[in-house]
Amino acid sequence: MTNKREKLRAQVKSRFYYLFWGAATVSVFVGQIYVGSGYRRMADTNDAISADINLLVETLTESFIPRDESPYSNMPILQ
């Protein structure tokens, strides 16, 4: 009889077990949200930097190539 009682007690989880794994699950979830939001901010910053670099390159190349001598001078400008 005691052997059966010991097996039953070994299979019953204490509430601390569930509290620990619940807290671990919540912390992992919150960490994933935090990392994801940081990644999104980094991507937005990279997009802004890339747009600034593209604008700088376009400005520098336009100032060196006169519009009449450019191979694309006869193309219409779409806006």
C-alpha atoms as a PDB file:
ATOM      1  CA  MET A   1       0.000   0.000   0.000  1.00  0.00           C
ATOM      2  CA  THR A   2       2.789   2.448   0.752  1.00  0.00           C
ATOM      3  CA  ASN A   3       4.367   1.747  -2.634  1.00  0.00           C
ATOM      4  CA  LYS A   4       1.162   2.818  -4.381  1.00  0.00           C
ATOM      5  CA  ARG A   5       0.928   5.970  -2.239  1.00  0.00           C
ATOM      6  CA  GLU A   6       4.544   6.907  -3.064  1.00  0.00           C
ATOM      7  CA  LYS A   7       3.932   6.506  -6.794  1.00  0.00           C
ATOM      8  CA  LEU A   8       0.812   8.656  -6.599  1.00  0.00           C
ATOM      9  CA  ARG A   9       2.690  11.352  -4.636  1.00  0.00           C
ATOM     10  CA  ALA A  10       5.539  11.332  -7.184  1.00  0.00           C
ATOM     11  CA  GLN A  11       3.094  12.009 -10.007  1.00  0.00           C
ATOM     12  CA  VAL A  12       1.361  14.944  -8.327  1.00  0.00           C
ATOM     13  CA  LYS A  13       3.089  18.217  -9.160  1.00  0.00           C
ATOM     14  CA  SER A  14       3.311  20.911  -6.565  1.00  0.00           C
ATOM     15  CA  ARG A  15       1.962  24.370  -7.227  1.00  0.00           C
ATOM     16  CA  PHE A  16       5.518  25.727  -7.234  1.00  0.00           C
ATOM     17  CA  TYR A  17       6.242  23.581 -10.287  1.00  0.00           C
ATOM     18  CA  TYR A  18       3.406  25.227 -12.197  1.00  0.00           C
ATOM     19  CA  LEU A  19       4.288  28.698 -10.920  1.00  0.00           C
ATOM     20  CA  PHE A  20       7.908  28.239 -12.012  1.00  0.00           C
ATOM     21  CA  TRP A  21       7.073  27.032 -15.510  1.00  0.00           C
ATOM     22  CA  GLY A  22       4.312  29.620 -15.902  1.00  0.00           C
ATOM     23  CA  ALA A  23       6.725  32.406 -14.967  1.00  0.00           C
ATOM     24  CA  ALA A  24       9.378  30.968 -17.309  1.00  0.00           C
ATOM     25  CA  THR A  25       6.877  30.836 -20.181  1.00  0.00           C
ATOM     26  CA  VAL A  26       5.726  34.419 -19.602  1.00  0.00           C
ATOM     27  CA  SER A  27       9.305  35.697 -19.399  1.00  0.00           C
ATOM     28  CA  VAL A  28      10.239  33.979 -22.670  1.00  0.00           C
ATOM     29  CA  PHE A  29       7.158  35.431 -24.361  1.00  0.00           C
ATOM     30  CA  VAL A  30       7.909  38.957 -23.111  1.00  0.00           C
ATOM     31  CA  GLY A  31      11.532  38.573 -24.194  1.00  0.00           C
ATOM     32  CA  GLN A  32      10.456  37.612 -27.712  1.00  0.00           C
ATOM     33  CA  ILE A  33       8.206  40.691 -27.905  1.00  0.00           C
ATOM     34  CA  TYR A  34      11.095  42.880 -26.695  1.00  0.00           C
ATOM     35  CA  VAL A  35      13.555  41.454 -29.226  1.00  0.00           C
ATOM     36  CA  GLY A  36      10.998  41.715 -32.029  1.00  0.00           C
ATOM     37  CA  SER A  37      10.270  45.360 -31.308  1.00  0.00           C
ATOM     38  CA  GLY A  38      13.998  46.130 -31.196  1.00  0.00           C
ATOM     39  CA  TYR A  39      14.486  44.372 -34.518  1.00  0.00           C
ATOM     40  CA  ARG A  40      11.660  46.404 -36.048  1.00  0.00           C
ATOM     41  CA  ARG A  41      13.195  49.664 -34.776  1.00  0.00           C
ATOM     42  CA  MET A  42      16.575  48.644 -36.188  1.00  0.00           C
ATOM     43  CA  ALA A  43      15.017  47.862 -39.579  1.00  0.00           C
ATOM     44  CA  ASP A  44      13.237  51.247 -39.636  1.00  0.00           C
ATOM     45  CA  THR A  45      16.517  53.001 -38.823  1.00  0.00           C
ATOM     46  CA  ASN A  46      18.326  51.089 -41.552  1.00  0.00           C
ATOM     47  CA  ASP A  47      15.617  52.081 -44.041  1.00  0.00           C
ATOM     48  CA  ALA A  48      15.999  55.743 -43.091  1.00  0.00           C
ATOM     49  CA  ILE A  49      19.795  55.579 -43.395  1.00  0.00           C
ATOM     50  CA  SER A  50      19.504  53.835 -46.751  1.00  0.00           C
ATOM     51  CA  ALA A  51      17.106  56.503 -48.027  1.00  0.00           C
ATOM     52  CA  ASP A  52      19.507  59.246 -46.909  1.00  0.00           C
ATOM     53  CA  ILE A  53      22.431  57.556 -48.662  1.00  0.00           C
ATOM     54  CA  ASN A  54      20.404  57.117 -51.850  1.00  0.00           C
ATOM     55  CA  LEU A  55      19.418  60.782 -51.785  1.00  0.00           C
ATOM     56  CA  LEU A  56      23.050  61.813 -51.262  1.00  0.00           C
ATOM     57  CA  VAL A  57      24.242  59.635 -54.144  1.00  0.00           C
ATOM     58  CA  GLU A  58      21.523  60.973 -56.446  1.00  0.00           C
ATOM     59  CA  THR A  59      22.370  64.551 -55.494  1.00  0.00           C
ATOM     60  CA  LEU A  60      26.086  64.035 -56.088  1.00  0.00           C
ATOM     61  CA  THR A  61      25.625  62.281 -59.425  1.00  0.00           C
ATOM     62  CA  GLU A  62      23.175  64.916 -60.680  1.00  0.00           C
ATOM     63  CA  SER A  63      25.591  67.714 -59.880  1.00  0.00           C
ATOM     64  CA  PHE A  64      28.407  66.081 -61.892  1.00  0.00           C
ATOM     65  CA  ILE A  65      26.405  65.068 -64.974  1.00  0.00           C
ATOM     66  CA  PRO A  66      24.857  67.986 -66.828  1.00  0.00           C
ATOM     67  CA  ARG A  67      21.298  67.231 -67.799  1.00  0.00           C
ATOM     68  CA  ASP A  68      21.877  67.865 -71.512  1.00  0.00           C
ATOM     69  CA  GLU A  69      24.850  65.490 -71.665  1.00  0.00           C
ATOM     70  CA  SER A  70      23.227  62.716 -69.699  1.00  0.00           C
ATOM     71  CA  PRO A  71      22.309  59.592 -71.712  1.00  0.00           C
ATOM     72  CA  TYR A  72      18.886  59.803 -70.085  1.00  0.00           C
ATOM     73  CA  SER A  73      18.218  63.467 -70.881  1.00  0.00           C
ATOM     74  CA  ASN A  74      15.640  62.665 -73.567  1.00  0.00           C
ATOM     75  CA  MET A  75      13.540  60.524 -71.205  1.00  0.00           C
ATOM     76  CA  PRO A  76      10.480  62.080 -69.604  1.00  0.00           C
ATOM     77  CA  ILE A  77      10.503  62.689 -65.879  1.00  0.00           C
ATOM     78  CA  LEU A  78       7.670  60.844 -64.135  1.00  0.00           C
ATOM     79  CA  GLN A  79       6.289  62.368 -61.010  1.00  0.00           C
END
